[in-house]
């Protein structure tokens, strides 16, 4: 049975931080001036990574020298960016800003090559499909989520509708994904479904091919973030999970049943982001307490207990408080 353990943490004074101290010093000549919202490795080569910030820039970094290889400047605050994990025919970075237009930056040419128009307010989250390199999902403060094929002149493929077309177009919530700002989205690992979260405290699961709301009920998913919410999904597990930051904890749900199975506790301040590494089957979470926590699955063996009617093998650890610090393991 699958449970989870807090394996290690990296703080500002921990050797597990980035190998060059300059990366965290404000004196570094290329440092962002304001809050960094997104950091992503180049999907095909760890010799490069990207970062975007409220300072209205997207920066491309050389990992070996920790110097910027390129800088994209925007007129608006940058909330999110994403590179396709499967692209082989393009090097586009999708960028969401305080403006209503989605910017597509080409790493090969060093310029913004495309603009996707259709949203009415700021773009809070963007994500490329892991199934098709030309399909992009965008989430906006206008309560809408759109799927795009960036090869098409018209661009937008689908605008997700929480009512699946069953409400009159005259109804205010028609053609909206949420009843509030949509500030987070994430494809499932196979790309067949898309998860979205909104400030209406709801999470929804969509069929990414036809845009249908699957109507999975996750209950109340607390979301008071004023910017993008960085959540993630598992890959390669027997059951698929979604991990959503919730205050200083992380809420864990099963994707297709909607059941909340546990709350991961380890941080002392608000969790800003989390990401799942499929190769190592590890979850990483970052918080305002200046720590990065690494969580790993733990297999439990049957332990007979004469005083209890059941054993650990009969209780799914995912429904217990199975997350603990490495100190407690000893």
Protein backbone atom coordinates (compact mmCIF):
# COMPACT_ATOMS: atom_id res chain seq x y z
CA UNK A 1 0.00 0.00 0.00
CA UNK A 2 1.14 3.49 -0.75
CA UNK A 3 1.81 6.08 1.93
CA UNK A 4 4.10 9.11 1.96
CA UNK A 5 7.08 10.29 3.98
CA UNK A 6 8.89 13.61 4.17
CA UNK A 7 12.32 12.54 2.88
CA UNK A 8 14.37 15.72 3.18
CA UNK A 9 14.24 19.47 3.11
CA UNK A 10 16.45 22.16 1.61
CA UNK A 11 16.59 25.57 3.23
CA UNK A 12 18.55 28.71 2.58
CA UNK A 13 21.53 27.29 4.53
CA UNK A 14 21.18 23.71 3.31
CA UNK A 15 23.66 22.07 0.88
CA UNK A 16 20.72 20.82 -1.18
CA UNK A 17 20.03 24.33 -2.47
CA UNK A 18 21.09 25.33 -5.97
CA UNK A 19 24.77 24.57 -6.35
CA UNK A 20 25.74 28.17 -6.91
CA UNK A 21 25.08 30.64 -4.10
CA UNK A 22 24.86 33.46 -6.63
CA UNK A 23 21.48 32.12 -7.75
CA UNK A 24 19.84 33.39 -4.55
CA UNK A 25 21.81 36.57 -3.94
CA UNK A 26 20.23 39.88 -4.75
CA UNK A 27 23.65 41.16 -5.83
CA UNK A 28 23.71 38.81 -8.82
CA UNK A 29 23.72 41.04 -11.92
CA UNK A 30 20.92 39.11 -13.65
CA UNK A 31 18.65 38.63 -10.66
CA UNK A 32 14.94 39.39 -11.07
CA UNK A 33 13.86 42.64 -9.44
CA UNK A 34 10.53 41.38 -8.12
CA UNK A 35 8.80 38.12 -7.21
CA UNK A 36 9.71 35.12 -9.39
CA UNK A 37 6.50 33.33 -10.34
CA UNK A 38 7.64 30.41 -12.51
CA UNK A 39 10.86 28.46 -13.04
CA UNK A 40 11.12 25.62 -15.56
CA UNK A 41 13.90 23.45 -16.94
CA UNK A 42 14.25 23.30 -20.70
CA UNK A 43 12.44 19.97 -21.31
CA UNK A 44 15.16 18.42 -23.48
CA UNK A 45 18.37 19.67 -21.87
CA UNK A 46 19.18 20.59 -18.27
CA UNK A 47 21.84 22.98 -19.56
CA UNK A 48 19.14 25.63 -19.75
CA UNK A 49 16.19 26.81 -17.68
CA UNK A 50 13.73 29.71 -17.73
CA UNK A 51 12.27 32.03 -15.10
CA UNK A 52 9.58 34.70 -15.19
CA UNK A 53 8.77 37.46 -12.74
CA UNK A 54 6.58 40.35 -11.72
CA UNK A 55 9.41 42.53 -13.09
CA UNK A 56 7.84 41.96 -16.54
CA UNK A 57 10.60 39.70 -17.85
CA UNK A 58 11.11 36.12 -18.96
CA UNK A 59 14.76 35.08 -18.63
CA UNK A 60 16.56 32.18 -20.29
CA UNK A 61 19.48 30.93 -18.19
CA UNK A 62 22.64 28.98 -18.94
CA UNK A 63 22.81 26.42 -16.11
CA UNK A 64 26.59 26.06 -16.26
CA UNK A 65 27.44 29.75 -15.99
CA UNK A 66 24.24 30.93 -14.25
CA UNK A 67 24.18 33.84 -16.68
CA UNK A 68 21.22 34.88 -18.81
CA UNK A 69 21.34 33.70 -22.40
CA UNK A 70 18.31 35.77 -23.42
CA UNK A 71 15.75 38.11 -21.88
CA UNK A 72 12.19 38.74 -23.10
CA UNK A 73 10.62 41.99 -21.92
CA UNK A 74 6.88 42.58 -21.63
CA UNK A 75 4.66 45.58 -21.05
CA UNK A 76 2.75 43.84 -18.25
CA UNK A 77 3.48 41.82 -15.11
CA UNK A 78 4.21 38.17 -15.92
CA UNK A 79 2.09 35.63 -14.00
CA UNK A 80 3.07 32.36 -15.64
CA UNK A 81 5.01 30.73 -18.44
CA UNK A 82 5.38 27.19 -19.78
CA UNK A 83 7.39 25.25 -22.37
CA UNK A 84 5.95 22.14 -24.03
CA UNK A 85 7.33 18.91 -22.55
CA UNK A 86 6.90 17.06 -25.86
CA UNK A 87 7.60 19.65 -28.58
CA UNK A 88 10.07 18.64 -31.29
CA UNK A 89 8.99 21.04 -34.04
CA UNK A 90 8.86 24.32 -32.13
CA UNK A 91 10.56 26.09 -29.22
CA UNK A 92 7.68 28.28 -28.10
CA UNK A 93 7.25 29.52 -24.55
CA UNK A 94 3.68 30.47 -23.65
CA UNK A 95 3.51 33.50 -21.36
CA UNK A 96 0.55 34.78 -19.36
CA UNK A 97 0.62 38.42 -18.24
CA UNK A 98 -1.64 41.04 -16.66
CA UNK A 99 -2.87 41.81 -20.17
CA UNK A 100 -5.58 39.71 -21.88
CA UNK A 101 -3.31 38.46 -24.68
CA UNK A 102 -1.31 35.22 -24.53
CA UNK A 103 2.25 35.76 -25.73
CA UNK A 104 4.23 33.02 -27.50
CA UNK A 105 7.99 33.56 -27.38
CA UNK A 106 10.27 31.69 -29.78
CA UNK A 107 13.57 30.63 -28.17
CA UNK A 108 15.14 30.10 -31.60
CA UNK A 109 14.46 33.59 -32.94
CA UNK A 110 14.56 35.37 -29.57
CA UNK A 111 11.32 37.23 -30.27
CA UNK A 112 7.60 37.03 -29.48
CA UNK A 113 6.30 35.33 -32.59
CA UNK A 114 2.60 34.89 -31.84
CA UNK A 115 -0.20 36.52 -29.87
CA UNK A 116 -3.39 34.64 -28.95
CA UNK A 117 -6.42 36.86 -28.46
CA UNK A 118 -9.74 35.88 -26.91
CA UNK A 119 -9.57 36.43 -23.16
CA UNK A 120 -10.92 39.64 -21.62
CA UNK A 121 -8.75 39.91 -18.52
CA UNK A 122 -5.29 38.89 -17.26
CA UNK A 123 -3.89 35.43 -18.01
CA UNK A 124 -3.14 33.72 -14.70
CA UNK A 125 -1.99 30.28 -15.89
CA UNK A 126 -0.81 28.57 -19.10
CA UNK A 127 0.01 24.93 -19.83
CA UNK A 128 0.97 22.97 -22.95
CA UNK A 129 -0.61 19.59 -23.52
CA UNK A 130 1.70 16.62 -22.84
CA UNK A 131 -0.11 14.80 -25.64
CA UNK A 132 0.00 17.28 -28.56
CA UNK A 133 2.81 19.79 -28.89
CA UNK A 134 0.59 22.41 -30.56
CA UNK A 135 -2.26 22.41 -28.02
CA UNK A 136 -2.14 25.04 -25.26
CA UNK A 137 -4.50 25.66 -22.33
CA UNK A 138 -4.90 29.13 -20.79
CA UNK A 139 -6.75 30.30 -17.68
CA UNK A 140 -7.89 33.84 -17.04
CA UNK A 141 -9.43 36.17 -14.48
CA UNK A 142 -12.40 36.40 -16.88
CA UNK A 143 -13.55 32.99 -15.50
CA UNK A 144 -12.70 31.29 -18.77
CA UNK A 145 -10.36 28.50 -19.84
CA UNK A 146 -9.47 28.16 -23.49
CA UNK A 147 -7.77 25.43 -25.50
CA UNK A 148 -5.75 26.61 -28.50
CA UNK A 149 -4.08 25.06 -31.52
CA UNK A 150 -1.26 27.51 -32.12
CA UNK A 151 -1.03 26.47 -35.80
CA UNK A 152 -4.51 27.77 -36.55
CA UNK A 153 -5.13 31.36 -37.58
CA UNK A 154 -8.32 31.50 -35.52
CA UNK A 155 -6.43 29.91 -32.64
CA UNK A 156 -9.07 28.93 -30.08
CA UNK A 157 -10.35 25.37 -30.29
CA UNK A 158 -12.67 25.28 -27.29
CA UNK A 159 -13.87 27.58 -24.50
CA UNK A 160 -14.67 25.33 -21.55
CA UNK A 161 -18.23 25.54 -20.23
CA UNK A 162 -18.94 24.34 -16.68
CA UNK A 163 -22.57 23.68 -17.68
CA UNK A 164 -21.67 21.62 -20.78
CA UNK A 165 -23.87 23.85 -22.94
CA UNK A 166 -27.01 23.24 -20.88
CA UNK A 167 -27.39 26.87 -19.80
CA UNK A 168 -28.76 29.62 -21.99
CA UNK A 169 -26.14 31.86 -23.54
CA UNK A 170 -27.95 34.73 -21.81
CA UNK A 171 -26.94 33.37 -18.41
CA UNK A 172 -23.92 35.18 -17.03
CA UNK A 173 -22.05 31.95 -16.23
CA UNK A 174 -22.47 30.49 -19.74
CA UNK A 175 -19.16 29.56 -21.39
CA UNK A 176 -17.28 30.02 -18.13
CA UNK A 177 -15.20 27.35 -16.44
CA UNK A 178 -15.60 28.77 -12.93
CA UNK A 179 -17.64 31.36 -11.07
CA UNK A 180 -14.57 33.40 -10.30
CA UNK A 181 -11.01 33.86 -11.50
CA UNK A 182 -9.37 30.74 -12.92
CA UNK A 183 -5.83 30.82 -11.55
CA UNK A 184 -4.51 27.32 -12.03
CA UNK A 185 -4.57 24.49 -14.55
CA UNK A 186 -2.73 21.23 -15.09
CA UNK A 187 -3.05 18.40 -17.61
CA UNK A 188 -3.10 14.81 -16.41
CA UNK A 189 0.06 12.91 -17.28
CA UNK A 190 -1.53 11.30 -20.35
CA UNK A 191 -2.97 14.61 -21.56
CA UNK A 192 -6.49 13.19 -21.82
CA UNK A 193 -7.88 15.42 -19.09
CA UNK A 194 -7.32 18.92 -17.77
CA UNK A 195 -7.71 20.06 -14.16
CA UNK A 196 -8.58 23.66 -13.32
CA UNK A 197 -8.92 25.56 -10.04
CA UNK A 198 -10.69 28.86 -9.42
CA UNK A 199 -11.31 31.43 -6.72
CA UNK A 200 -14.84 30.00 -6.44
CA UNK A 201 -13.12 27.28 -4.33
CA UNK A 202 -13.80 24.60 -6.90
CA UNK A 203 -11.60 22.24 -8.90
CA UNK A 204 -12.90 20.75 -12.12
CA UNK A 205 -11.80 17.89 -14.37
CA UNK A 206 -12.32 18.30 -18.11
CA UNK A 207 -12.06 16.01 -21.11
CA UNK A 208 -9.32 17.75 -23.08
CA UNK A 209 -10.45 16.45 -26.47
CA UNK A 210 -14.06 17.69 -26.42
CA UNK A 211 -14.01 20.13 -23.49
CA UNK A 212 -16.67 18.28 -21.50
CA UNK A 213 -16.92 18.92 -17.76
CA UNK A 214 -16.68 15.42 -16.23
CA UNK A 215 -18.57 16.66 -13.14
CA UNK A 216 -16.18 14.98 -10.68
CA UNK A 217 -16.93 16.49 -7.26
CA UNK A 218 -13.84 17.43 -5.22
CA UNK A 219 -15.85 19.36 -2.64
CA UNK A 220 -14.58 22.72 -1.48
CA UNK A 221 -11.02 23.35 -2.66
CA UNK A 222 -9.87 26.41 -0.76
CA UNK A 223 -8.19 28.90 -3.05
CA UNK A 224 -7.56 32.45 -1.90
CA UNK A 225 -4.50 33.05 -4.07
CA UNK A 226 -4.43 36.44 -5.77
CA UNK A 227 -2.15 35.14 -8.51
CA UNK A 228 -1.46 31.79 -10.18
CA UNK A 229 -1.85 28.61 -8.12
CA UNK A 230 0.89 26.08 -8.92
CA UNK A 231 -0.50 22.60 -8.37
CA UNK A 232 0.52 19.26 -9.87
CA UNK A 233 -0.51 15.67 -10.59
CA UNK A 234 1.19 12.33 -10.04
CA UNK A 235 2.48 10.11 -12.82
CA UNK A 236 3.15 6.37 -12.69
CA UNK A 237 1.24 5.70 -9.45
CA UNK A 238 -1.30 2.90 -9.17
CA UNK A 239 -3.86 5.61 -8.46
CA UNK A 240 -3.49 9.10 -9.88
CA UNK A 241 -3.40 11.98 -7.42
CA UNK A 242 -3.59 15.75 -7.62
CA UNK A 243 -1.65 17.85 -5.11
CA UNK A 244 -3.07 21.32 -4.36
CA UNK A 245 -1.40 23.91 -2.06
CA UNK A 246 -3.72 24.87 0.79
CA UNK A 247 -2.26 27.34 3.28
CA UNK A 248 0.77 25.70 4.90
CA UNK A 249 -0.41 22.24 3.82
CA UNK A 250 -0.99 20.34 0.57
CA UNK A 251 -4.35 18.72 -0.10
CA UNK A 252 -4.21 15.37 -1.91
CA UNK A 253 -7.15 14.15 -4.01
CA UNK A 254 -7.68 11.14 -6.22
CA UNK A 255 -8.16 12.59 -9.69
CA UNK A 256 -11.02 10.50 -11.03
CA UNK A 257 -13.08 9.91 -7.87
CA UNK A 258 -12.59 13.40 -6.38
CA UNK A 259 -11.93 12.04 -2.91
CA UNK A 260 -9.64 14.02 -0.63
CA UNK A 261 -7.37 11.41 0.95
CA UNK A 262 -5.01 13.43 3.13
CA UNK A 263 -3.42 16.78 3.96
CA UNK A 264 0.37 16.91 3.81
CA UNK A 265 1.82 18.80 6.76
CA UNK A 266 5.44 19.91 6.99
CA UNK A 267 5.69 23.57 6.07
CA UNK A 268 5.32 26.44 8.52
CA UNK A 269 4.05 29.08 6.11
CA UNK A 270 1.97 29.18 2.93
CA UNK A 271 2.90 26.70 0.21
CA UNK A 272 3.37 28.52 -3.10
CA UNK A 273 3.99 25.62 -5.46
CA UNK A 274 4.46 21.88 -5.84
CA UNK A 275 5.73 19.63 -8.60
CA UNK A 276 5.86 15.85 -9.07
CA UNK A 277 8.96 14.11 -10.46
CA UNK A 278 7.83 10.93 -12.22
CA UNK A 279 11.28 9.35 -12.56
CA UNK A 280 11.94 9.43 -8.82
CA UNK A 281 8.28 9.28 -7.77
CA UNK A 282 8.84 12.30 -5.55
CA UNK A 283 6.75 15.35 -4.78
CA UNK A 284 8.54 18.66 -4.16
CA UNK A 285 6.87 21.61 -2.44
CA UNK A 286 8.07 25.18 -1.98
CA UNK A 287 6.88 27.53 0.75
CA UNK A 288 7.26 31.03 2.10
CA UNK A 289 9.07 29.45 5.05
CA UNK A 290 12.10 29.34 2.69
CA UNK A 291 12.14 25.54 2.58
CA UNK A 292 11.75 23.03 -0.23
CA UNK A 293 10.39 19.69 1.00
CA UNK A 294 10.78 16.40 -0.86
CA UNK A 295 8.08 13.79 -0.26
CA UNK A 296 8.48 10.14 -1.26
CA UNK A 297 6.10 7.17 -1.33
CA UNK A 298 6.52 4.61 1.43
CA UNK A 299 5.42 0.95 1.29
CA UNK A 300 3.90 -0.48 4.44
CA UNK A 301 4.17 -4.15 5.37
CA UNK A 302 1.50 -5.96 7.43
CA UNK A 303 2.15 -5.44 11.14
CA UNK A 304 0.03 -7.69 13.40
CA UNK A 305 -1.35 -5.98 16.49
CA UNK A 306 -3.25 -8.05 19.02
CA UNK A 307 -4.84 -4.95 20.54
CA UNK A 308 -6.34 -3.72 17.28
CA UNK A 309 -8.99 -5.43 15.16
CA UNK A 310 -7.15 -4.55 11.94
CA UNK A 311 -3.55 -4.29 10.78
CA UNK A 312 -1.77 -1.60 8.82
CA UNK A 313 -2.05 -3.77 5.72
CA UNK A 314 -5.82 -3.51 5.99
CA UNK A 315 -5.91 0.26 6.32
CA UNK A 316 -4.92 2.34 3.34
CA UNK A 317 -2.14 4.61 4.68
CA UNK A 318 -3.31 7.32 2.30
CA UNK A 319 -6.27 7.79 4.62
CA UNK A 320 -4.01 8.12 7.65
CA UNK A 321 -1.58 10.83 8.72
CA UNK A 322 1.29 9.01 7.00
CA UNK A 323 3.41 12.07 6.34
CA UNK A 324 6.18 12.56 8.85
CA UNK A 325 9.62 14.10 9.12
CA UNK A 326 12.80 12.11 8.62
CA UNK A 327 13.58 12.64 12.32
CA UNK A 328 10.44 10.79 13.27
CA UNK A 329 11.45 7.84 11.08
CA UNK A 330 14.36 7.09 13.38
